[in-house]
C-alpha atoms as a PDB file:
ATOM      1  CA  UNK A   1      17.849  11.597  10.344  1.00  0.00           C
ATOM      2  CA  UNK A   2      17.425  15.362  10.004  1.00  0.00           C
ATOM      3  CA  UNK A   3      18.698  16.370  13.436  1.00  0.00           C
ATOM      4  CA  UNK A   4      21.963  15.617  15.201  1.00  0.00           C
ATOM      5  CA  UNK A   5      21.401  12.208  16.805  1.00  0.00           C
ATOM      6  CA  UNK A   6      21.336  11.865  20.570  1.00  0.00           C
ATOM      7  CA  UNK A   7      22.602   8.305  21.071  1.00  0.00           C
ATOM      8  CA  UNK A   8      22.716   6.295  24.274  1.00  0.00           C
ATOM      9  CA  UNK A   9      25.867   4.151  24.588  1.00  0.00           C
ATOM     10  CA  UNK A  10      25.616   1.582  27.377  1.00  0.00           C
ATOM     11  CA  UNK A  11      27.235  -1.726  28.243  1.00  0.00           C
ATOM     12  CA  UNK A  12      24.524  -4.018  29.570  1.00  0.00           C
ATOM     13  CA  UNK A  13      24.206  -7.599  30.793  1.00  0.00           C
ATOM     14  CA  UNK A  14      21.784  -9.975  29.098  1.00  0.00           C
ATOM     15  CA  UNK A  15      19.438  -9.546  32.075  1.00  0.00           C
ATOM     16  CA  UNK A  16      19.415  -5.759  31.637  1.00  0.00           C
ATOM     17  CA  UNK A  17      21.860  -4.485  34.272  1.00  0.00           C
ATOM     18  CA  UNK A  18      24.346  -1.641  33.705  1.00  0.00           C
ATOM     19  CA  UNK A  19      26.006  -2.062  37.112  1.00  0.00           C
ATOM     20  CA  UNK A  20      26.202  -4.798  39.688  1.00  0.00           C
ATOM     21  CA  UNK A  21      24.648  -4.575  43.154  1.00  0.00           C
ATOM     22  CA  UNK A  22      25.733  -1.806  45.553  1.00  0.00           C
ATOM     23  CA  UNK A  23      27.037   0.715  43.023  1.00  0.00           C
ATOM     24  CA  UNK A  24      28.378   3.696  44.954  1.00  0.00           C
ATOM     25  CA  UNK A  25      31.483   5.874  45.228  1.00  0.00           C
ATOM     26  CA  UNK A  26      34.483   3.586  45.555  1.00  0.00           C
ATOM     27  CA  UNK A  27      32.540   0.771  43.878  1.00  0.00           C
ATOM     28  CA  UNK A  28      31.167   2.715  40.923  1.00  0.00           C
ATOM     29  CA  UNK A  29      30.043  -0.274  38.845  1.00  0.00           C
ATOM     30  CA  UNK A  30      28.797  -2.335  41.792  1.00  0.00           C
ATOM     31  CA  UNK A  31      29.922  -5.831  42.672  1.00  0.00           C
ATOM     32  CA  UNK A  32      30.906  -7.645  39.481  1.00  0.00           C
ATOM     33  CA  UNK A  33      29.966  -4.706  37.265  1.00  0.00           C
ATOM     34  CA  UNK A  34      33.405  -4.253  35.756  1.00  0.00           C
ATOM     35  CA  UNK A  35      32.694  -7.429  33.766  1.00  0.00           C
ATOM     36  CA  UNK A  36      30.488  -5.266  31.524  1.00  0.00           C
ATOM     37  CA  UNK A  37      33.539  -3.365  30.310  1.00  0.00           C
ATOM     38  CA  UNK A  38      35.938  -6.198  29.455  1.00  0.00           C
ATOM     39  CA  UNK A  39      35.349  -5.405  25.770  1.00  0.00           C
ATOM     40  CA  UNK A  40      37.153  -2.077  26.283  1.00  0.00           C
ATOM     41  CA  UNK A  41      40.411  -4.034  26.560  1.00  0.00           C
ATOM     42  CA  UNK A  42      40.229  -3.985  22.735  1.00  0.00           C
ATOM     43  CA  UNK A  43      39.488  -0.244  22.421  1.00  0.00           C
ATOM     44  CA  UNK A  44      42.865   0.520  20.827  1.00  0.00           C
ATOM     45  CA  UNK A  45      42.903  -2.605  18.657  1.00  0.00           C
ATOM     46  CA  UNK A  46      41.781  -3.058  15.095  1.00  0.00           C
ATOM     47  CA  UNK A  47      38.448  -4.782  14.773  1.00  0.00           C
ATOM     48  CA  UNK A  48      34.882  -4.239  15.840  1.00  0.00           C
ATOM     49  CA  UNK A  49      35.477  -3.235  19.469  1.00  0.00           C
ATOM     50  CA  UNK A  50      38.072  -0.667  18.433  1.00  0.00           C
ATOM     51  CA  UNK A  51      35.735   0.666  15.750  1.00  0.00           C
ATOM     52  CA  UNK A  52      32.814   1.082  18.167  1.00  0.00           C
ATOM     53  CA  UNK A  53      35.029   2.768  20.764  1.00  0.00           C
ATOM     54  CA  UNK A  54      36.394   5.162  18.115  1.00  0.00           C
ATOM     55  CA  UNK A  55      32.845   6.048  17.057  1.00  0.00           C
ATOM     56  CA  UNK A  56      31.863   6.851  20.640  1.00  0.00           C
ATOM     57  CA  UNK A  57      35.010   8.934  21.058  1.00  0.00           C
ATOM     58  CA  UNK A  58      34.196  10.917  17.899  1.00  0.00           C
ATOM     59  CA  UNK A  59      30.955  12.304  19.328  1.00  0.00           C
ATOM     60  CA  UNK A  60      30.654  16.074  19.652  1.00  0.00           C
ATOM     61  CA  UNK A  61      29.049  16.400  23.103  1.00  0.00           C
ATOM     62  CA  UNK A  62      28.186  14.277  26.126  1.00  0.00           C
ATOM     63  CA  UNK A  63      24.890  14.055  27.983  1.00  0.00           C
ATOM     64  CA  UNK A  64      24.859  12.480  31.422  1.00  0.00           C
ATOM     65  CA  UNK A  65      22.637  12.122  34.420  1.00  0.00           C
ATOM     66  CA  UNK A  66      23.890  13.629  37.662  1.00  0.00           C
ATOM     67  CA  UNK A  67      24.341  10.238  39.356  1.00  0.00           C
ATOM     68  CA  UNK A  68      26.517   8.926  36.520  1.00  0.00           C
ATOM     69  CA  UNK A  69      28.494  12.177  36.452  1.00  0.00           C
ATOM     70  CA  UNK A  70      29.243  11.945  40.168  1.00  0.00           C
ATOM     71  CA  UNK A  71      30.068   8.213  40.119  1.00  0.00           C
ATOM     72  CA  UNK A  72      32.470   8.897  37.239  1.00  0.00           C
ATOM     73  CA  UNK A  73      34.205  11.496  39.436  1.00  0.00           C
ATOM     74  CA  UNK A  74      32.862  14.172  37.078  1.00  0.00           C
ATOM     75  CA  UNK A  75      35.283  12.785  34.468  1.00  0.00           C
ATOM     76  CA  UNK A  76      37.641  15.383  35.945  1.00  0.00           C
ATOM     77  CA  UNK A  77      35.945  17.850  33.600  1.00  0.00           C
ATOM     78  CA  UNK A  78      36.880  16.060  30.363  1.00  0.00           C
ATOM     79  CA  UNK A  79      35.030  13.034  29.024  1.00  0.00           C
ATOM     80  CA  UNK A  80      36.895  12.929  25.710  1.00  0.00           C
ATOM     81  CA  UNK A  81      38.778  15.535  23.711  1.00  0.00           C
ATOM     82  CA  UNK A  82      37.293  18.475  25.588  1.00  0.00           C
ATOM     83  CA  UNK A  83      33.737  18.121  24.276  1.00  0.00           C
ATOM     84  CA  UNK A  84      30.970  19.823  26.281  1.00  0.00           C
ATOM     85  CA  UNK A  85      29.427  17.710  29.060  1.00  0.00           C
ATOM     86  CA  UNK A  86      25.725  18.355  29.758  1.00  0.00           C
ATOM     87  CA  UNK A  87      24.549  17.052  33.136  1.00  0.00           C
ATOM     88  CA  UNK A  88      20.853  16.703  33.965  1.00  0.00           C
ATOM     89  CA  UNK A  89      20.066  17.269  37.629  1.00  0.00           C
ATOM     90  CA  UNK A  90      17.016  17.975  39.772  1.00  0.00           C
ATOM     91  CA  UNK A  91      18.669  20.931  41.494  1.00  0.00           C
ATOM     92  CA  UNK A  92      21.570  23.237  40.700  1.00  0.00           C
ATOM     93  CA  UNK A  93      23.512  24.574  43.671  1.00  0.00           C
ATOM     94  CA  UNK A  94      24.981  27.936  42.567  1.00  0.00           C
ATOM     95  CA  UNK A  95      28.126  27.197  44.599  1.00  0.00           C
ATOM     96  CA  UNK A  96      28.738  23.911  42.807  1.00  0.00           C
ATOM     97  CA  UNK A  97      30.625  24.775  39.650  1.00  0.00           C
ATOM     98  CA  UNK A  98      31.315  21.666  37.557  1.00  0.00           C
ATOM     99  CA  UNK A  99      34.838  21.246  36.174  1.00  0.00           C
ATOM    100  CA  UNK A 100      36.011  21.759  32.602  1.00  0.00           C
ATOM    101  CA  UNK A 101      33.311  22.106  29.980  1.00  0.00           C
ATOM    102  CA  UNK A 102      30.607  20.509  32.141  1.00  0.00           C
ATOM    103  CA  UNK A 103      27.350  22.363  32.761  1.00  0.00           C
ATOM    104  CA  UNK A 104      24.288  21.519  34.877  1.00  0.00           C
ATOM    105  CA  UNK A 105      20.723  21.597  33.516  1.00  0.00           C
ATOM    106  CA  UNK A 106      17.317  21.067  35.080  1.00  0.00           C
ATOM    107  CA  UNK A 107      15.326  21.232  31.815  1.00  0.00           C
ATOM    108  CA  UNK A 108      15.647  18.082  29.710  1.00  0.00           C
ATOM    109  CA  UNK A 109      14.694  19.808  26.452  1.00  0.00           C
ATOM    110  CA  UNK A 110      17.178  22.661  26.902  1.00  0.00           C
ATOM    111  CA  UNK A 111      19.782  20.066  27.881  1.00  0.00           C
ATOM    112  CA  UNK A 112      19.263  18.029  24.695  1.00  0.00           C
ATOM    113  CA  UNK A 113      18.903  21.021  22.368  1.00  0.00           C
ATOM    114  CA  UNK A 114      22.107  22.668  23.579  1.00  0.00           C
ATOM    115  CA  UNK A 115      24.018  19.370  23.374  1.00  0.00           C
ATOM    116  CA  UNK A 116      22.866  18.946  19.755  1.00  0.00           C
ATOM    117  CA  UNK A 117      23.899  22.513  18.980  1.00  0.00           C
ATOM    118  CA  UNK A 118      27.355  22.052  20.542  1.00  0.00           C
ATOM    119  CA  UNK A 119      27.891  18.682  18.814  1.00  0.00           C
ATOM    120  CA  UNK A 120      27.352  20.149  15.348  1.00  0.00           C
ATOM    121  CA  UNK A 121      27.179  17.340  12.814  1.00  0.00           C
ATOM    122  CA  UNK A 122      28.607  14.750  15.204  1.00  0.00           C
ATOM    123  CA  UNK A 123      26.405  12.553  17.393  1.00  0.00           C
ATOM    124  CA  UNK A 124      25.738  13.303  21.054  1.00  0.00           C
ATOM    125  CA  UNK A 125      26.865  10.538  23.422  1.00  0.00           C
ATOM    126  CA  UNK A 126      24.506   9.728  26.317  1.00  0.00           C
ATOM    127  CA  UNK A 127      25.556   7.952  29.524  1.00  0.00           C
ATOM    128  CA  UNK A 128      23.345   6.851  32.388  1.00  0.00           C
ATOM    129  CA  UNK A 129      19.996   5.206  32.991  1.00  0.00           C
ATOM    130  CA  UNK A 130      18.372   8.323  34.446  1.00  0.00           C
ATOM    131  CA  UNK A 131      19.461  10.472  31.515  1.00  0.00           C
ATOM    132  CA  UNK A 132      18.274   7.863  29.012  1.00  0.00           C
ATOM    133  CA  UNK A 133      14.845   7.616  30.636  1.00  0.00           C
ATOM    134  CA  UNK A 134      14.435  11.407  30.876  1.00  0.00           C
ATOM    135  CA  UNK A 135      15.443  11.883  27.234  1.00  0.00           C
ATOM    136  CA  UNK A 136      13.151   9.075  26.100  1.00  0.00           C
ATOM    137  CA  UNK A 137      10.213  10.566  28.025  1.00  0.00           C
ATOM    138  CA  UNK A 138      10.851  13.964  26.408  1.00  0.00           C
ATOM    139  CA  UNK A 139      11.129  12.419  22.915  1.00  0.00           C
ATOM    140  CA  UNK A 140      14.750  13.587  22.747  1.00  0.00           C
ATOM    141  CA  UNK A 141      16.524  10.197  22.509  1.00  0.00           C
ATOM    142  CA  UNK A 142      17.118   9.210  18.882  1.00  0.00           C
ATOM    143  CA  UNK A 143      19.187   6.036  19.088  1.00  0.00           C
ATOM    144  CA  UNK A 144      20.164   3.358  21.571  1.00  0.00           C
ATOM    145  CA  UNK A 145      23.466   1.537  21.221  1.00  0.00           C
ATOM    146  CA  UNK A 146      23.807  -1.373  23.603  1.00  0.00           C
ATOM    147  CA  UNK A 147      27.040  -3.241  24.140  1.00  0.00           C
ATOM    148  CA  UNK A 148      25.450  -6.576  25.112  1.00  0.00           C
ATOM    149  CA  UNK A 149      27.696  -8.665  27.344  1.00  0.00           C
ATOM    150  CA  UNK A 150      27.066 -12.432  27.614  1.00  0.00           C
ATOM    151  CA  UNK A 151      26.625 -12.501  31.375  1.00  0.00           C
ATOM    152  CA  UNK A 152      23.714 -12.542  33.804  1.00  0.00           C
ATOM    153  CA  UNK A 153      24.527 -10.255  36.729  1.00  0.00           C
ATOM    154  CA  UNK A 154      21.358 -11.258  38.586  1.00  0.00           C
ATOM    155  CA  UNK A 155      21.012  -7.934  40.414  1.00  0.00           C
ATOM    156  CA  UNK A 156      22.168  -4.342  40.311  1.00  0.00           C
ATOM    157  CA  UNK A 157      21.072  -1.199  38.472  1.00  0.00           C
ATOM    158  CA  UNK A 158      18.846  -1.734  35.453  1.00  0.00           C
ATOM    159  CA  UNK A 159      19.052   0.371  32.338  1.00  0.00           C
ATOM    160  CA  UNK A 160      15.298   0.730  31.903  1.00  0.00           C
ATOM    161  CA  UNK A 161      13.229   0.585  35.064  1.00  0.00           C
ATOM    162  CA  UNK A 162       9.463   0.986  34.728  1.00  0.00           C
ATOM    163  CA  UNK A 163       9.075   4.760  34.504  1.00  0.00           C
ATOM    164  CA  UNK A 164       5.645   5.313  33.009  1.00  0.00           C
ATOM    165  CA  UNK A 165       7.074   5.813  29.535  1.00  0.00           C
ATOM    166  CA  UNK A 166       4.931   3.079  28.021  1.00  0.00           C
ATOM    167  CA  UNK A 167       5.862   0.992  25.026  1.00  0.00           C
ATOM    168  CA  UNK A 168       8.644   2.303  22.797  1.00  0.00           C
ATOM    169  CA  UNK A 169       9.269   0.783  19.379  1.00  0.00           C
ATOM    170  CA  UNK A 170      12.853   0.401  18.201  1.00  0.00           C
ATOM    171  CA  UNK A 171      14.117  -0.219  14.697  1.00  0.00           C
ATOM    172  CA  UNK A 172      17.314  -2.281  14.434  1.00  0.00           C
ATOM    173  CA  UNK A 173      20.024  -0.274  12.650  1.00  0.00           C
ATOM    174  CA  UNK A 174      23.075  -2.506  12.993  1.00  0.00           C
ATOM    175  CA  UNK A 175      24.564  -5.472  14.798  1.00  0.00           C
ATOM    176  CA  UNK A 176      28.312  -5.987  15.162  1.00  0.00           C
ATOM    177  CA  UNK A 177      29.995  -8.956  16.833  1.00  0.00           C
ATOM    178  CA  UNK A 178      33.116  -8.088  18.798  1.00  0.00           C
ATOM    179  CA  UNK A 179      35.243 -10.188  21.082  1.00  0.00           C
ATOM    180  CA  UNK A 180      33.079 -10.799  24.154  1.00  0.00           C
ATOM    181  CA  UNK A 181      30.305  -8.396  23.127  1.00  0.00           C
ATOM    182  CA  UNK A 182      27.518  -7.811  20.625  1.00  0.00           C
ATOM    183  CA  UNK A 183      27.067  -4.156  19.694  1.00  0.00           C
ATOM    184  CA  UNK A 184      23.422  -3.423  18.875  1.00  0.00           C
ATOM    185  CA  UNK A 185      22.164  -0.081  17.574  1.00  0.00           C
ATOM    186  CA  UNK A 186      18.487   0.823  17.399  1.00  0.00           C
ATOM    187  CA  UNK A 187      16.637   3.901  16.163  1.00  0.00           C
ATOM    188  CA  UNK A 188      13.811   5.100  18.396  1.00  0.00           C
ATOM    189  CA  UNK A 189      10.664   5.063  16.248  1.00  0.00           C
ATOM    190  CA  UNK A 190       8.781   8.347  16.583  1.00  0.00           C
ATOM    191  CA  UNK A 191       4.995   8.408  16.902  1.00  0.00           C
ATOM    192  CA  UNK A 192       4.864   4.677  17.606  1.00  0.00           C
ATOM    193  CA  UNK A 193       3.560   5.127  21.147  1.00  0.00           C
END
């Protein structure tokens, strides 16, 4: 890959949910949604789950949608190690100054390009369904890493809702089996639509 990869990292249920029903402030992952993050109990351990967590933590910038940013309490201005946080939003209120190294954007291409620039040779970590869909629509999402959890949530917030993007081809890059999770990485195939 010739450009710094923009890579979505998302824990997801087998039926495609990234949060349980009724996700909102105070219940950020919805009812039952915390089940999707049980694998993080091993984040400091040796093994696959620790490896994948370390890779995500080694990224050089973060891209997020506004909803994810707010539900995460703006990460108190620091997602990991002080890397820049780029937040896509529909509207920027000049009086709303995000904390730390966070910055609001309304242009998806500027948002992705600046995140790549700030990340240098390290990957850009993407969080949030809205951000993923916007980046995919703008041909700015390079890879998708799903942490597939063996559970059916049955309802909640889906990762990919129908958004008029059309068919997107993915090339499997790797598959790692961790305790309670399968980590799947795909490359987004360009010009396949």
